[in-house]
């Protein structure tokens, strides 16, 4: 079995398989372009959860990036199907959710479904890259879980107290809201903005 997480970060990203699931073709193209700029070369795309699950089963991606709201079923349903023990080869695959809906209820629903990382749109290449690096650097905690869904219901967030200058003041791209819902640094149970 290949280990895409061995070696240095640059070569690791080249070895990773990604699945991007979003009903918006422009968003899929944007994410694919970002991934390609990070050195990723094996990227599969799906326009909905049905096709996403099919590609997941056939290609066994190392990381799934999915939208929240998609017909006929959404990113939460896709995540739950992937997380079902015994139904596919990798129910513990890291899942990054991208969405315009960053309300507390959406973040908690994503966490409870088993989402690994949560990014609110509009996303930046920097924030997506940081989330991927976080996953790669913390892969030991992501692989080999016996009951991922039960574990994720108990997950807590990491708190990042760094304040960033607003993009308008800095003359840069819009800031992405990044919610960290990883396993370390337990607090009150609610993912918070980084």
C-alpha atoms as a PDB file:
ATOM      1  CA  UNK A   1       0.000   0.000   0.000  1.00  0.00           C
ATOM      2  CA  UNK A   2       1.425   3.376  -0.950  1.00  0.00           C
ATOM      3  CA  UNK A   3       2.145   5.916   1.743  1.00  0.00           C
ATOM      4  CA  UNK A   4       1.611   9.398   0.259  1.00  0.00           C
ATOM      5  CA  UNK A   5       2.610  10.969   3.568  1.00  0.00           C
ATOM      6  CA  UNK A   6       6.230   9.776   3.597  1.00  0.00           C
ATOM      7  CA  UNK A   7       8.991  12.150   2.497  1.00  0.00           C
ATOM      8  CA  UNK A   8       8.891  15.946   2.280  1.00  0.00           C
ATOM      9  CA  UNK A   9       5.751  18.059   1.914  1.00  0.00           C
ATOM     10  CA  UNK A  10       6.338  18.999  -1.735  1.00  0.00           C
ATOM     11  CA  UNK A  11       6.677  15.406  -2.874  1.00  0.00           C
ATOM     12  CA  UNK A  12       3.788  14.352  -0.623  1.00  0.00           C
ATOM     13  CA  UNK A  13       1.366  16.707  -2.346  1.00  0.00           C
ATOM     14  CA  UNK A  14       2.445  15.389  -5.745  1.00  0.00           C
ATOM     15  CA  UNK A  15       1.585  11.867  -4.610  1.00  0.00           C
ATOM     16  CA  UNK A  16      -1.833  12.665  -3.146  1.00  0.00           C
ATOM     17  CA  UNK A  17      -5.092  11.890  -4.951  1.00  0.00           C
ATOM     18  CA  UNK A  18      -7.792  14.535  -4.548  1.00  0.00           C
ATOM     19  CA  UNK A  19     -11.518  14.389  -5.153  1.00  0.00           C
ATOM     20  CA  UNK A  20     -13.276  17.748  -5.610  1.00  0.00           C
ATOM     21  CA  UNK A  21     -17.084  17.625  -5.358  1.00  0.00           C
ATOM     22  CA  UNK A  22     -19.022  20.815  -6.130  1.00  0.00           C
ATOM     23  CA  UNK A  23     -22.082  21.511  -8.264  1.00  0.00           C
ATOM     24  CA  UNK A  24     -20.531  24.774  -9.467  1.00  0.00           C
ATOM     25  CA  UNK A  25     -18.177  24.151 -12.415  1.00  0.00           C
ATOM     26  CA  UNK A  26     -16.358  27.446 -11.800  1.00  0.00           C
ATOM     27  CA  UNK A  27     -15.635  26.475  -8.174  1.00  0.00           C
ATOM     28  CA  UNK A  28     -14.359  23.034  -9.234  1.00  0.00           C
ATOM     29  CA  UNK A  29     -12.057  24.698 -11.767  1.00  0.00           C
ATOM     30  CA  UNK A  30     -10.829  27.192  -9.149  1.00  0.00           C
ATOM     31  CA  UNK A  31     -10.055  24.463  -6.596  1.00  0.00           C
ATOM     32  CA  UNK A  32      -8.398  22.309  -9.275  1.00  0.00           C
ATOM     33  CA  UNK A  33      -6.201  25.263 -10.288  1.00  0.00           C
ATOM     34  CA  UNK A  34      -5.215  25.870  -6.665  1.00  0.00           C
ATOM     35  CA  UNK A  35      -4.390  22.193  -6.128  1.00  0.00           C
ATOM     36  CA  UNK A  36      -2.363  22.126  -9.320  1.00  0.00           C
ATOM     37  CA  UNK A  37      -0.408  25.189  -8.137  1.00  0.00           C
ATOM     38  CA  UNK A  38       0.447  23.274  -4.915  1.00  0.00           C
ATOM     39  CA  UNK A  39       1.970  20.486  -7.008  1.00  0.00           C
ATOM     40  CA  UNK A  40      -1.009  18.116  -6.899  1.00  0.00           C
ATOM     41  CA  UNK A  41      -1.452  16.185 -10.123  1.00  0.00           C
ATOM     42  CA  UNK A  42      -4.111  13.529  -9.541  1.00  0.00           C
ATOM     43  CA  UNK A  43      -7.388  15.417  -9.181  1.00  0.00           C
ATOM     44  CA  UNK A  44     -10.846  13.948  -9.819  1.00  0.00           C
ATOM     45  CA  UNK A  45     -13.968  16.103 -10.076  1.00  0.00           C
ATOM     46  CA  UNK A  46     -17.650  15.446  -9.508  1.00  0.00           C
ATOM     47  CA  UNK A  47     -20.648  17.731  -9.957  1.00  0.00           C
ATOM     48  CA  UNK A  48     -22.731  16.171  -7.168  1.00  0.00           C
ATOM     49  CA  UNK A  49     -22.652  13.755  -4.247  1.00  0.00           C
ATOM     50  CA  UNK A  50     -23.823  10.795  -6.327  1.00  0.00           C
ATOM     51  CA  UNK A  51     -20.960  11.094  -8.810  1.00  0.00           C
ATOM     52  CA  UNK A  52     -18.613  12.044  -5.955  1.00  0.00           C
ATOM     53  CA  UNK A  53     -19.320   8.793  -4.120  1.00  0.00           C
ATOM     54  CA  UNK A  54     -18.830   6.829  -7.332  1.00  0.00           C
ATOM     55  CA  UNK A  55     -15.431   8.479  -7.956  1.00  0.00           C
ATOM     56  CA  UNK A  56     -14.503   8.012  -4.304  1.00  0.00           C
ATOM     57  CA  UNK A  57     -15.105   4.259  -4.494  1.00  0.00           C
ATOM     58  CA  UNK A  58     -13.337   3.893  -7.863  1.00  0.00           C
ATOM     59  CA  UNK A  59     -10.267   6.089  -7.243  1.00  0.00           C
ATOM     60  CA  UNK A  60      -9.742   6.026  -3.443  1.00  0.00           C
ATOM     61  CA  UNK A  61      -8.629   9.645  -3.035  1.00  0.00           C
ATOM     62  CA  UNK A  62      -6.341  10.662  -0.172  1.00  0.00           C
ATOM     63  CA  UNK A  63      -8.285  13.884   0.483  1.00  0.00           C
ATOM     64  CA  UNK A  64     -11.877  14.842  -0.424  1.00  0.00           C
ATOM     65  CA  UNK A  65     -12.863  18.485  -0.890  1.00  0.00           C
ATOM     66  CA  UNK A  66     -16.630  18.966  -1.041  1.00  0.00           C
ATOM     67  CA  UNK A  67     -19.218  21.704  -1.143  1.00  0.00           C
ATOM     68  CA  UNK A  68     -21.987  21.680   1.465  1.00  0.00           C
ATOM     69  CA  UNK A  69     -25.069  22.459  -0.647  1.00  0.00           C
ATOM     70  CA  UNK A  70     -25.543  20.281  -3.760  1.00  0.00           C
ATOM     71  CA  UNK A  71     -28.443  18.397  -5.297  1.00  0.00           C
ATOM     72  CA  UNK A  72     -29.468  15.544  -5.199  1.00  0.00           C
ATOM     73  CA  UNK A  73     -27.697  15.129  -1.871  1.00  0.00           C
ATOM     74  CA  UNK A  74     -25.328  17.476  -0.143  1.00  0.00           C
ATOM     75  CA  UNK A  75     -21.794  17.361   1.240  1.00  0.00           C
ATOM     76  CA  UNK A  76     -23.025  16.234   4.660  1.00  0.00           C
ATOM     77  CA  UNK A  77     -24.799  13.224   3.132  1.00  0.00           C
ATOM     78  CA  UNK A  78     -21.694  12.440   1.083  1.00  0.00           C
ATOM     79  CA  UNK A  79     -19.533  12.662   4.209  1.00  0.00           C
ATOM     80  CA  UNK A  80     -21.867  10.350   6.145  1.00  0.00           C
ATOM     81  CA  UNK A  81     -21.809   7.799   3.324  1.00  0.00           C
ATOM     82  CA  UNK A  82     -18.011   7.896   3.148  1.00  0.00           C
ATOM     83  CA  UNK A  83     -17.735   7.558   6.941  1.00  0.00           C
ATOM     84  CA  UNK A  84     -19.911   4.423   7.147  1.00  0.00           C
ATOM     85  CA  UNK A  85     -17.650   1.639   8.448  1.00  0.00           C
ATOM     86  CA  UNK A  86     -17.385  -1.355   6.147  1.00  0.00           C
ATOM     87  CA  UNK A  87     -18.930   0.337   3.110  1.00  0.00           C
ATOM     88  CA  UNK A  88     -15.724   1.446   1.376  1.00  0.00           C
ATOM     89  CA  UNK A  89     -11.960   1.050   1.539  1.00  0.00           C
ATOM     90  CA  UNK A  90     -11.184   4.307   3.368  1.00  0.00           C
ATOM     91  CA  UNK A  91     -13.898   5.646   5.695  1.00  0.00           C
ATOM     92  CA  UNK A  92     -11.242   7.724   7.479  1.00  0.00           C
ATOM     93  CA  UNK A  93     -10.228   9.815   4.465  1.00  0.00           C
ATOM     94  CA  UNK A  94      -9.731  13.503   5.394  1.00  0.00           C
ATOM     95  CA  UNK A  95     -12.639  15.650   4.164  1.00  0.00           C
ATOM     96  CA  UNK A  96     -12.457  19.412   3.684  1.00  0.00           C
ATOM     97  CA  UNK A  97     -15.818  21.163   3.400  1.00  0.00           C
ATOM     98  CA  UNK A  98     -16.096  24.422   1.451  1.00  0.00           C
ATOM     99  CA  UNK A  99     -19.273  26.466   1.816  1.00  0.00           C
ATOM    100  CA  UNK A 100     -20.866  29.908   1.886  1.00  0.00           C
ATOM    101  CA  UNK A 101     -22.774  28.785   4.975  1.00  0.00           C
ATOM    102  CA  UNK A 102     -20.481  29.405   7.945  1.00  0.00           C
ATOM    103  CA  UNK A 103     -23.183  29.648  10.586  1.00  0.00           C
ATOM    104  CA  UNK A 104     -22.571  27.828  13.861  1.00  0.00           C
ATOM    105  CA  UNK A 105     -25.221  25.214  13.037  1.00  0.00           C
ATOM    106  CA  UNK A 106     -23.525  24.372   9.708  1.00  0.00           C
ATOM    107  CA  UNK A 107     -20.093  24.054  11.288  1.00  0.00           C
ATOM    108  CA  UNK A 108     -21.459  21.791  14.017  1.00  0.00           C
ATOM    109  CA  UNK A 109     -23.383  19.679  11.494  1.00  0.00           C
ATOM    110  CA  UNK A 110     -20.199  19.298   9.426  1.00  0.00           C
ATOM    111  CA  UNK A 111     -18.219  18.301  12.510  1.00  0.00           C
ATOM    112  CA  UNK A 112     -20.859  15.791  13.563  1.00  0.00           C
ATOM    113  CA  UNK A 113     -20.956  14.259  10.067  1.00  0.00           C
ATOM    114  CA  UNK A 114     -17.193  13.699  10.193  1.00  0.00           C
ATOM    115  CA  UNK A 115     -15.728  16.635   8.257  1.00  0.00           C
ATOM    116  CA  UNK A 116     -12.018  17.076   8.997  1.00  0.00           C
ATOM    117  CA  UNK A 117     -11.630  20.763   8.022  1.00  0.00           C
ATOM    118  CA  UNK A 118     -14.110  23.550   7.226  1.00  0.00           C
ATOM    119  CA  UNK A 119     -13.481  26.577   4.988  1.00  0.00           C
ATOM    120  CA  UNK A 120     -16.004  29.313   4.282  1.00  0.00           C
ATOM    121  CA  UNK A 121     -16.166  30.714   0.751  1.00  0.00           C
ATOM    122  CA  UNK A 122     -14.670  32.711  -0.759  1.00  0.00           C
ATOM    123  CA  UNK A 123     -11.553  30.635  -0.190  1.00  0.00           C
ATOM    124  CA  UNK A 124      -7.982  31.670  -0.835  1.00  0.00           C
ATOM    125  CA  UNK A 125      -5.192  29.458  -2.131  1.00  0.00           C
ATOM    126  CA  UNK A 126      -3.236  30.176   1.044  1.00  0.00           C
ATOM    127  CA  UNK A 127      -6.013  28.962   3.359  1.00  0.00           C
ATOM    128  CA  UNK A 128      -6.697  25.828   1.309  1.00  0.00           C
ATOM    129  CA  UNK A 129      -2.972  25.060   1.223  1.00  0.00           C
ATOM    130  CA  UNK A 130      -2.720  25.508   5.011  1.00  0.00           C
ATOM    131  CA  UNK A 131      -5.643  23.121   5.591  1.00  0.00           C
ATOM    132  CA  UNK A 132      -4.075  20.500   3.312  1.00  0.00           C
ATOM    133  CA  UNK A 133      -0.701  20.876   5.045  1.00  0.00           C
ATOM    134  CA  UNK A 134      -2.440  20.577   8.415  1.00  0.00           C
ATOM    135  CA  UNK A 135      -4.007  17.313   7.273  1.00  0.00           C
ATOM    136  CA  UNK A 136      -0.714  15.972   5.912  1.00  0.00           C
ATOM    137  CA  UNK A 137       1.219  16.965   9.034  1.00  0.00           C
ATOM    138  CA  UNK A 138      -1.389  15.419  11.339  1.00  0.00           C
ATOM    139  CA  UNK A 139      -2.131  12.307   9.304  1.00  0.00           C
ATOM    140  CA  UNK A 140      -1.368   9.995  12.226  1.00  0.00           C
ATOM    141  CA  UNK A 141      -4.490  11.207  13.997  1.00  0.00           C
ATOM    142  CA  UNK A 142      -6.562  10.784  10.838  1.00  0.00           C
ATOM    143  CA  UNK A 143      -5.619   7.263   9.843  1.00  0.00           C
ATOM    144  CA  UNK A 144      -6.532   4.016  11.497  1.00  0.00           C
ATOM    145  CA  UNK A 145      -9.556   5.136  13.497  1.00  0.00           C
ATOM    146  CA  UNK A 146     -11.893   2.295  14.342  1.00  0.00           C
ATOM    147  CA  UNK A 147     -15.067   4.369  14.615  1.00  0.00           C
ATOM    148  CA  UNK A 148     -14.534   7.699  12.897  1.00  0.00           C
ATOM    149  CA  UNK A 149     -18.107   8.966  13.169  1.00  0.00           C
ATOM    150  CA  UNK A 150     -18.356   8.501  16.936  1.00  0.00           C
ATOM    151  CA  UNK A 151     -14.927  10.049  17.352  1.00  0.00           C
ATOM    152  CA  UNK A 152     -15.875  13.102  15.272  1.00  0.00           C
ATOM    153  CA  UNK A 153     -18.960  13.816  17.345  1.00  0.00           C
ATOM    154  CA  UNK A 154     -16.590  14.428  20.240  1.00  0.00           C
ATOM    155  CA  UNK A 155     -14.075  16.516  18.288  1.00  0.00           C
ATOM    156  CA  UNK A 156     -13.137  19.898  19.560  1.00  0.00           C
ATOM    157  CA  UNK A 157     -11.556  22.862  17.849  1.00  0.00           C
ATOM    158  CA  UNK A 158      -8.165  24.425  17.871  1.00  0.00           C
ATOM    159  CA  UNK A 159      -8.026  28.054  18.814  1.00  0.00           C
ATOM    160  CA  UNK A 160      -5.866  30.327  16.752  1.00  0.00           C
ATOM    161  CA  UNK A 161      -5.753  33.768  18.347  1.00  0.00           C
ATOM    162  CA  UNK A 162      -3.847  35.492  15.537  1.00  0.00           C
ATOM    163  CA  UNK A 163      -5.737  38.513  14.224  1.00  0.00           C
ATOM    164  CA  UNK A 164      -5.231  39.272  10.547  1.00  0.00           C
ATOM    165  CA  UNK A 165      -5.384  42.670   8.874  1.00  0.00           C
ATOM    166  CA  UNK A 166      -8.528  43.107   6.769  1.00  0.00           C
ATOM    167  CA  UNK A 167      -7.955  42.468   3.053  1.00  0.00           C
ATOM    168  CA  UNK A 168      -9.326  45.874   2.122  1.00  0.00           C
ATOM    169  CA  UNK A 169      -6.794  47.612   4.386  1.00  0.00           C
ATOM    170  CA  UNK A 170      -3.975  45.404   3.152  1.00  0.00           C
ATOM    171  CA  UNK A 171      -5.014  45.695  -0.503  1.00  0.00           C
ATOM    172  CA  UNK A 172      -5.109  41.896  -0.876  1.00  0.00           C
ATOM    173  CA  UNK A 173      -7.661  39.224  -1.676  1.00  0.00           C
ATOM    174  CA  UNK A 174     -10.699  38.761   0.623  1.00  0.00           C
ATOM    175  CA  UNK A 175     -10.037  36.916   3.858  1.00  0.00           C
ATOM    176  CA  UNK A 176     -11.349  33.397   4.148  1.00  0.00           C
ATOM    177  CA  UNK A 177     -13.111  32.327   7.296  1.00  0.00           C
ATOM    178  CA  UNK A 178     -11.252  29.259   8.491  1.00  0.00           C
ATOM    179  CA  UNK A 179     -12.786  27.015  11.102  1.00  0.00           C
ATOM    180  CA  UNK A 180     -10.476  24.513  12.730  1.00  0.00           C
ATOM    181  CA  UNK A 181     -12.318  21.430  13.897  1.00  0.00           C
ATOM    182  CA  UNK A 182      -9.370  19.152  14.533  1.00  0.00           C
ATOM    183  CA  UNK A 183      -8.817  16.833  17.482  1.00  0.00           C
ATOM    184  CA  UNK A 184      -6.399  18.820  19.628  1.00  0.00           C
ATOM    185  CA  UNK A 185      -6.857  21.567  22.241  1.00  0.00           C
ATOM    186  CA  UNK A 186     -10.290  20.802  23.664  1.00  0.00           C
ATOM    187  CA  UNK A 187     -12.315  23.833  24.759  1.00  0.00           C
ATOM    188  CA  UNK A 188     -16.049  24.498  24.726  1.00  0.00           C
ATOM    189  CA  UNK A 189     -16.800  22.260  21.716  1.00  0.00           C
ATOM    190  CA  UNK A 190     -17.504  24.990  19.173  1.00  0.00           C
ATOM    191  CA  UNK A 191     -15.164  25.502  16.218  1.00  0.00           C
ATOM    192  CA  UNK A 192     -14.032  29.102  16.111  1.00  0.00           C
ATOM    193  CA  UNK A 193     -12.637  31.371  13.468  1.00  0.00           C
ATOM    194  CA  UNK A 194      -8.910  31.227  12.998  1.00  0.00           C
END
